[in-house]
Amino acid sequence: MNYRLCNYLLLAAFIFIGGCDKGQKSTQTSPSEESGKAATVTPQQKPILKNETLLTIEATVTAINQATRQVTLEDAEGETLTIVAGEQVRNLAQVAVGDKLKVDYLQIIEIKVLEPEAAEVGVRQTVAGERAEAGEKPAGAAVTETTIVASIEAIDKEKQTVSLKGPEGHIRTLKVRKPENFENIAVDDKVMITFAQLLAVKVTEK
């Protein structure tokens, strides 16, 4: 879990970067904007960021290993991708080379800076899924959501850095690339990072 927690804490840098890659949608708002009201930014309002990535692949099965549940796909451009079909994908034995699959992948990252008493440092993960009924075309979906709360241990405006302490006690120092956010954060504030992934797989043609 150490490696994963470190990666999630690094995602907190998005609060201060405010940018996004191609194919992603990123927004940084104040609490009043999030509730649908007109925003009036004050020093008490904490940064909020939400980043979404949606990817849909329609591809042909070019190889399948039933023992390891690995499925190799090739899209219309000839690009290949190998995925592992989890137990949520029922009736995998019905999948064969040449079948057409549709894969939907959604990733959501939401990061909020909270008042010190608003949350406790910790980590929580939930996993849910659904799958096709026996005899139906192979299909399945899985949702994983991880929420991590870290605390701001130090702020260095001169170096433009913030140090976060995660649930396991490790401290990571991040570069603040949006200096205006220094006005809305303080030592002992909490940073809540929610990372959700949805993967849905369905056979469209056999």
C-alpha atoms as a PDB file:
ATOM      1  CA  MET A   1       0.000   0.000   0.000  1.00  0.00           C
ATOM      2  CA  ASN A   2       2.933   2.380   0.522  1.00  0.00           C
ATOM      3  CA  TYR A   3       3.614   2.845  -3.184  1.00  0.00           C
ATOM      4  CA  ARG A   4      -0.035   3.461  -3.976  1.00  0.00           C
ATOM      5  CA  LEU A   5      -0.462   5.993  -1.196  1.00  0.00           C
ATOM      6  CA  CYS A   6       2.600   7.898  -2.376  1.00  0.00           C
ATOM      7  CA  ASN A   7       1.170   8.081  -5.881  1.00  0.00           C
ATOM      8  CA  TYR A   8      -2.173   9.375  -4.634  1.00  0.00           C
ATOM      9  CA  LEU A   9      -0.462  12.049  -2.576  1.00  0.00           C
ATOM     10  CA  LEU A  10       1.465  13.162  -5.628  1.00  0.00           C
ATOM     11  CA  LEU A  11      -1.889  13.710  -7.330  1.00  0.00           C
ATOM     12  CA  ALA A  12      -2.514  16.467  -4.818  1.00  0.00           C
ATOM     13  CA  ALA A  13      -0.129  18.589  -6.863  1.00  0.00           C
ATOM     14  CA  PHE A  14      -3.023  19.051  -9.301  1.00  0.00           C
ATOM     15  CA  ILE A  15      -4.544  21.477  -6.801  1.00  0.00           C
ATOM     16  CA  PHE A  16      -1.727  23.862  -7.452  1.00  0.00           C
ATOM     17  CA  ILE A  17      -1.061  23.077 -11.126  1.00  0.00           C
ATOM     18  CA  GLY A  18      -4.573  23.576 -12.446  1.00  0.00           C
ATOM     19  CA  GLY A  19      -3.772  22.061 -15.850  1.00  0.00           C
ATOM     20  CA  CYS A  20      -4.834  18.954 -17.700  1.00  0.00           C
ATOM     21  CA  ASP A  21      -3.617  16.631 -20.434  1.00  0.00           C
ATOM     22  CA  LYS A  22      -5.241  16.027 -23.786  1.00  0.00           C
ATOM     23  CA  GLY A  23      -8.506  14.089 -23.420  1.00  0.00           C
ATOM     24  CA  GLN A  24      -9.014  15.272 -19.857  1.00  0.00           C
ATOM     25  CA  LYS A  25     -11.341  17.823 -18.347  1.00  0.00           C
ATOM     26  CA  SER A  26     -10.113  19.742 -15.321  1.00  0.00           C
ATOM     27  CA  THR A  27     -11.884  22.351 -13.228  1.00  0.00           C
ATOM     28  CA  GLN A  28     -10.856  24.310 -10.165  1.00  0.00           C
ATOM     29  CA  THR A  29     -13.692  25.933  -8.241  1.00  0.00           C
ATOM     30  CA  SER A  30     -14.650  27.495  -4.971  1.00  0.00           C
ATOM     31  CA  PRO A  31     -17.244  25.819  -2.694  1.00  0.00           C
ATOM     32  CA  SER A  32     -19.929  28.310  -3.773  1.00  0.00           C
ATOM     33  CA  GLU A  33     -19.361  27.450  -7.450  1.00  0.00           C
ATOM     34  CA  GLU A  34     -19.668  23.762  -6.680  1.00  0.00           C
ATOM     35  CA  SER A  35     -23.066  24.299  -5.049  1.00  0.00           C
ATOM     36  CA  GLY A  36     -24.327  26.224  -8.088  1.00  0.00           C
ATOM     37  CA  LYS A  37     -24.213  29.679  -6.498  1.00  0.00           C
ATOM     38  CA  ALA A  38     -22.312  32.674  -7.765  1.00  0.00           C
ATOM     39  CA  ALA A  39     -18.710  32.544  -6.574  1.00  0.00           C
ATOM     40  CA  THR A  40     -17.317  35.149  -4.228  1.00  0.00           C
ATOM     41  CA  VAL A  41     -13.791  34.068  -3.454  1.00  0.00           C
ATOM     42  CA  THR A  42     -12.644  34.891   0.055  1.00  0.00           C
ATOM     43  CA  PRO A  43      -9.501  33.921   1.968  1.00  0.00           C
ATOM     44  CA  GLN A  44     -11.554  31.318   3.891  1.00  0.00           C
ATOM     45  CA  GLN A  45     -12.485  29.324   0.811  1.00  0.00           C
ATOM     46  CA  LYS A  46     -10.258  26.339   0.107  1.00  0.00           C
ATOM     47  CA  PRO A  47      -9.110  25.093  -3.338  1.00  0.00           C
ATOM     48  CA  ILE A  48     -11.141  22.366  -5.027  1.00  0.00           C
ATOM     49  CA  LEU A  49     -10.158  20.509  -8.185  1.00  0.00           C
ATOM     50  CA  LYS A  50     -11.927  17.835 -10.219  1.00  0.00           C
ATOM     51  CA  ASN A  51     -10.299  16.072 -13.154  1.00  0.00           C
ATOM     52  CA  GLU A  52     -12.087  13.560 -15.429  1.00  0.00           C
ATOM     53  CA  THR A  53     -10.707  11.263 -18.131  1.00  0.00           C
ATOM     54  CA  LEU A  54     -13.044   9.218 -20.341  1.00  0.00           C
ATOM     55  CA  LEU A  55     -11.764   6.645 -22.819  1.00  0.00           C
ATOM     56  CA  THR A  56     -13.851   4.363 -25.042  1.00  0.00           C
ATOM     57  CA  ILE A  57     -12.233   1.612 -27.093  1.00  0.00           C
ATOM     58  CA  GLU A  58     -13.971  -0.518 -29.711  1.00  0.00           C
ATOM     59  CA  ALA A  59     -11.662  -3.329 -30.688  1.00  0.00           C
ATOM     60  CA  THR A  60     -11.292  -6.877 -31.929  1.00  0.00           C
ATOM     61  CA  VAL A  61     -10.049  -9.749 -29.781  1.00  0.00           C
ATOM     62  CA  THR A  62      -6.774 -10.964 -31.276  1.00  0.00           C
ATOM     63  CA  ALA A  63      -5.697 -13.284 -28.442  1.00  0.00           C
ATOM     64  CA  ILE A  64      -7.172 -14.635 -25.221  1.00  0.00           C
ATOM     65  CA  ASN A  65      -5.789 -16.672 -22.326  1.00  0.00           C
ATOM     66  CA  GLN A  66      -8.632 -18.174 -20.330  1.00  0.00           C
ATOM     67  CA  ALA A  67      -6.311 -19.301 -17.527  1.00  0.00           C
ATOM     68  CA  THR A  68      -4.888 -15.836 -16.813  1.00  0.00           C
ATOM     69  CA  ARG A  69      -7.996 -13.983 -18.116  1.00  0.00           C
ATOM     70  CA  GLN A  70      -5.767 -11.826 -20.309  1.00  0.00           C
ATOM     71  CA  VAL A  71      -7.445 -10.482 -23.439  1.00  0.00           C
ATOM     72  CA  THR A  72      -5.493  -8.763 -26.236  1.00  0.00           C
ATOM     73  CA  LEU A  73      -7.421  -6.181 -28.258  1.00  0.00           C
ATOM     74  CA  GLU A  74      -6.662  -4.400 -31.528  1.00  0.00           C
ATOM     75  CA  ASP A  75      -8.446  -1.191 -32.472  1.00  0.00           C
ATOM     76  CA  ALA A  76      -9.232   0.234 -35.921  1.00  0.00           C
ATOM     77  CA  GLU A  77      -5.829   1.950 -36.083  1.00  0.00           C
ATOM     78  CA  GLY A  78      -3.967  -1.284 -35.415  1.00  0.00           C
ATOM     79  CA  GLU A  79      -2.993  -0.362 -31.854  1.00  0.00           C
ATOM     80  CA  THR A  80      -3.000  -3.296 -29.420  1.00  0.00           C
ATOM     81  CA  LEU A  81      -3.871  -3.402 -25.737  1.00  0.00           C
ATOM     82  CA  THR A  82      -3.861  -6.308 -23.288  1.00  0.00           C
ATOM     83  CA  ILE A  83      -6.290  -6.166 -20.367  1.00  0.00           C
ATOM     84  CA  VAL A  84      -7.098  -8.563 -17.532  1.00  0.00           C
ATOM     85  CA  ALA A  85     -10.811  -9.349 -17.359  1.00  0.00           C
ATOM     86  CA  GLY A  86     -11.655  -9.491 -13.660  1.00  0.00           C
ATOM     87  CA  GLU A  87     -14.085 -11.915 -12.076  1.00  0.00           C
ATOM     88  CA  GLN A  88     -16.851  -9.349 -12.697  1.00  0.00           C
ATOM     89  CA  VAL A  89     -16.650 -10.285 -16.401  1.00  0.00           C
ATOM     90  CA  ARG A  90     -18.840 -13.370 -16.383  1.00  0.00           C
ATOM     91  CA  ASN A  91     -18.985 -15.867 -19.299  1.00  0.00           C
ATOM     92  CA  LEU A  92     -15.429 -15.103 -20.413  1.00  0.00           C
ATOM     93  CA  ALA A  93     -15.246 -18.650 -21.802  1.00  0.00           C
ATOM     94  CA  GLN A  94     -17.636 -17.506 -24.534  1.00  0.00           C
ATOM     95  CA  VAL A  95     -15.154 -14.891 -25.789  1.00  0.00           C
ATOM     96  CA  ALA A  96     -13.133 -15.976 -28.820  1.00  0.00           C
ATOM     97  CA  VAL A  97     -10.580 -14.497 -31.184  1.00  0.00           C
ATOM     98  CA  GLY A  98     -12.401 -12.293 -33.695  1.00  0.00           C
ATOM     99  CA  ASP A  99     -15.093 -11.086 -31.267  1.00  0.00           C
ATOM    100  CA  LYS A 100     -15.768  -7.362 -31.104  1.00  0.00           C
ATOM    101  CA  LEU A 101     -15.506  -5.699 -27.679  1.00  0.00           C
ATOM    102  CA  LYS A 102     -16.357  -2.278 -26.316  1.00  0.00           C
ATOM    103  CA  VAL A 103     -14.322  -1.046 -23.343  1.00  0.00           C
ATOM    104  CA  ASP A 104     -15.298   2.100 -21.422  1.00  0.00           C
ATOM    105  CA  TYR A 105     -12.843   3.556 -18.923  1.00  0.00           C
ATOM    106  CA  LEU A 106     -13.634   6.543 -16.703  1.00  0.00           C
ATOM    107  CA  GLN A 107     -11.202   8.044 -14.193  1.00  0.00           C
ATOM    108  CA  ILE A 108     -12.215  10.804 -11.788  1.00  0.00           C
ATOM    109  CA  ILE A 109      -9.865  12.626  -9.426  1.00  0.00           C
ATOM    110  CA  GLU A 110     -11.309  15.105  -6.954  1.00  0.00           C
ATOM    111  CA  ILE A 111      -9.084  17.010  -4.540  1.00  0.00           C
ATOM    112  CA  LYS A 112     -10.342  19.298  -1.790  1.00  0.00           C
ATOM    113  CA  VAL A 113      -8.563  21.335   0.858  1.00  0.00           C
ATOM    114  CA  LEU A 114     -10.594  21.254   4.080  1.00  0.00           C
ATOM    115  CA  GLU A 115     -10.514  22.922   7.460  1.00  0.00           C
ATOM    116  CA  PRO A 116      -8.431  20.983  10.051  1.00  0.00           C
ATOM    117  CA  GLU A 117     -11.472  19.649  11.934  1.00  0.00           C
ATOM    118  CA  ALA A 118     -13.397  18.657   8.785  1.00  0.00           C
ATOM    119  CA  ALA A 119     -11.758  15.232   8.335  1.00  0.00           C
ATOM    120  CA  GLU A 120      -9.365  12.778   9.957  1.00  0.00           C
ATOM    121  CA  VAL A 121      -6.166  11.578   8.280  1.00  0.00           C
ATOM    122  CA  GLY A 122      -6.797   8.124   6.863  1.00  0.00           C
ATOM    123  CA  VAL A 123      -7.595   5.997   3.812  1.00  0.00           C
ATOM    124  CA  ARG A 124     -10.773   4.264   2.655  1.00  0.00           C
ATOM    125  CA  GLN A 125     -11.379   2.081  -0.381  1.00  0.00           C
ATOM    126  CA  THR A 126     -14.599   0.638  -1.793  1.00  0.00           C
ATOM    127  CA  VAL A 127     -15.004  -1.797  -4.686  1.00  0.00           C
ATOM    128  CA  ALA A 128     -18.263  -2.615  -6.448  1.00  0.00           C
ATOM    129  CA  GLY A 129     -19.205  -4.382  -9.644  1.00  0.00           C
ATOM    130  CA  GLU A 130     -21.851  -6.063 -11.728  1.00  0.00           C
ATOM    131  CA  ARG A 131     -21.732  -8.738 -14.371  1.00  0.00           C
ATOM    132  CA  ALA A 132     -23.834 -10.402 -17.046  1.00  0.00           C
ATOM    133  CA  GLU A 133     -26.274 -13.151 -16.155  1.00  0.00           C
ATOM    134  CA  ALA A 134     -25.293 -16.708 -16.976  1.00  0.00           C
ATOM    135  CA  GLY A 135     -25.835 -17.362 -20.679  1.00  0.00           C
ATOM    136  CA  GLU A 136     -25.743 -13.702 -21.701  1.00  0.00           C
ATOM    137  CA  LYS A 137     -23.006 -12.111 -23.796  1.00  0.00           C
ATOM    138  CA  PRO A 138     -19.866 -11.660 -21.687  1.00  0.00           C
ATOM    139  CA  ALA A 139     -19.921  -8.291 -19.914  1.00  0.00           C
ATOM    140  CA  GLY A 140     -18.981  -6.722 -16.636  1.00  0.00           C
ATOM    141  CA  ALA A 141     -18.236  -3.471 -14.866  1.00  0.00           C
ATOM    142  CA  ALA A 142     -16.124  -2.641 -11.852  1.00  0.00           C
ATOM    143  CA  VAL A 143     -15.875   0.562  -9.836  1.00  0.00           C
ATOM    144  CA  THR A 144     -13.029   1.272  -7.437  1.00  0.00           C
ATOM    145  CA  GLU A 145     -12.993   4.381  -5.260  1.00  0.00           C
ATOM    146  CA  THR A 146     -10.153   5.334  -2.930  1.00  0.00           C
ATOM    147  CA  THR A 147     -10.271   8.319  -0.595  1.00  0.00           C
ATOM    148  CA  ILE A 148      -7.148   9.509   1.193  1.00  0.00           C
ATOM    149  CA  VAL A 149      -6.969  12.343   3.694  1.00  0.00           C
ATOM    150  CA  ALA A 150      -3.574  13.941   4.377  1.00  0.00           C
ATOM    151  CA  SER A 151      -2.620  16.919   6.505  1.00  0.00           C
ATOM    152  CA  ILE A 152      -0.632  19.999   5.522  1.00  0.00           C
ATOM    153  CA  GLU A 153       2.445  19.909   7.755  1.00  0.00           C
ATOM    154  CA  ALA A 154       4.396  22.863   6.379  1.00  0.00           C
ATOM    155  CA  ILE A 155       4.057  25.738   3.919  1.00  0.00           C
ATOM    156  CA  ASP A 156       7.077  27.503   2.430  1.00  0.00           C
ATOM    157  CA  LYS A 157       5.954  30.519   0.393  1.00  0.00           C
ATOM    158  CA  GLU A 158       9.534  31.480  -0.462  1.00  0.00           C
ATOM    159  CA  LYS A 159      10.251  28.074  -2.020  1.00  0.00           C
ATOM    160  CA  GLN A 160       6.606  27.730  -3.085  1.00  0.00           C
ATOM    161  CA  THR A 161       6.191  24.283  -1.549  1.00  0.00           C
ATOM    162  CA  VAL A 162       3.668  22.466   0.623  1.00  0.00           C
ATOM    163  CA  SER A 163       4.469  19.373   2.715  1.00  0.00           C
ATOM    164  CA  LEU A 164       1.738  16.739   3.127  1.00  0.00           C
ATOM    165  CA  LYS A 165       1.670  13.972   5.727  1.00  0.00           C
ATOM    166  CA  GLY A 166      -0.282  10.889   4.653  1.00  0.00           C
ATOM    167  CA  PRO A 167      -2.036   8.102   6.585  1.00  0.00           C
ATOM    168  CA  GLU A 168       1.198   6.108   6.960  1.00  0.00           C
ATOM    169  CA  GLY A 169       3.108   9.037   8.418  1.00  0.00           C
ATOM    170  CA  HIS A 170       5.265   9.766   5.386  1.00  0.00           C
ATOM    171  CA  ILE A 171       5.756  13.398   4.381  1.00  0.00           C
ATOM    172  CA  ARG A 172       5.927  14.475   0.755  1.00  0.00           C
ATOM    173  CA  THR A 173       6.815  17.998  -0.359  1.00  0.00           C
ATOM    174  CA  LEU A 174       5.028  19.304  -3.447  1.00  0.00           C
ATOM    175  CA  LYS A 175       5.784  22.308  -5.610  1.00  0.00           C
ATOM    176  CA  VAL A 176       2.991  24.898  -5.657  1.00  0.00           C
ATOM    177  CA  ARG A 177       2.606  26.210  -9.190  1.00  0.00           C
ATOM    178  CA  LYS A 178      -0.368  28.453  -8.528  1.00  0.00           C
ATOM    179  CA  PRO A 179       0.931  30.859  -5.849  1.00  0.00           C
ATOM    180  CA  GLU A 180      -2.509  32.399  -5.341  1.00  0.00           C
ATOM    181  CA  ASN A 181      -3.552  29.188  -3.576  1.00  0.00           C
ATOM    182  CA  PHE A 182      -1.218  30.072  -0.692  1.00  0.00           C
ATOM    183  CA  GLU A 183      -3.842  32.617   0.363  1.00  0.00           C
ATOM    184  CA  ASN A 184      -6.429  29.890   0.962  1.00  0.00           C
ATOM    185  CA  ILE A 185      -4.425  27.157   2.721  1.00  0.00           C
ATOM    186  CA  ALA A 186      -2.871  26.848   6.172  1.00  0.00           C
ATOM    187  CA  VAL A 187      -0.825  24.410   8.221  1.00  0.00           C
ATOM    188  CA  ASP A 188      -3.048  21.648   9.694  1.00  0.00           C
ATOM    189  CA  ASP A 189      -5.571  21.930   6.846  1.00  0.00           C
ATOM    190  CA  LYS A 190      -6.631  18.566   5.446  1.00  0.00           C
ATOM    191  CA  VAL A 191      -6.300  17.517   1.810  1.00  0.00           C
ATOM    192  CA  MET A 192      -8.929  14.985   0.708  1.00  0.00           C
ATOM    193  CA  ILE A 193      -8.028  13.064  -2.463  1.00  0.00           C
ATOM    194  CA  THR A 194     -10.739  10.911  -4.047  1.00  0.00           C
ATOM    195  CA  PHE A 195      -9.639   8.666  -6.919  1.00  0.00           C
ATOM    196  CA  ALA A 196     -12.369   6.695  -8.738  1.00  0.00           C
ATOM    197  CA  GLN A 197     -12.075   4.303 -11.667  1.00  0.00           C
ATOM    198  CA  LEU A 198     -14.829   2.660 -13.711  1.00  0.00           C
ATOM    199  CA  LEU A 199     -14.042  -0.109 -16.199  1.00  0.00           C
ATOM    200  CA  ALA A 200     -16.849  -1.639 -18.271  1.00  0.00           C
ATOM    201  CA  VAL A 201     -16.325  -4.415 -20.836  1.00  0.00           C
ATOM    202  CA  LYS A 202     -18.973  -5.774 -23.216  1.00  0.00           C
ATOM    203  CA  VAL A 203     -19.007  -8.075 -26.245  1.00  0.00           C
ATOM    204  CA  THR A 204     -20.861  -6.279 -29.059  1.00  0.00           C
ATOM    205  CA  GLU A 205     -20.434  -8.822 -31.893  1.00  0.00           C
ATOM    206  CA  LYS A 206     -19.468 -12.477 -32.120  1.00  0.00           C
END
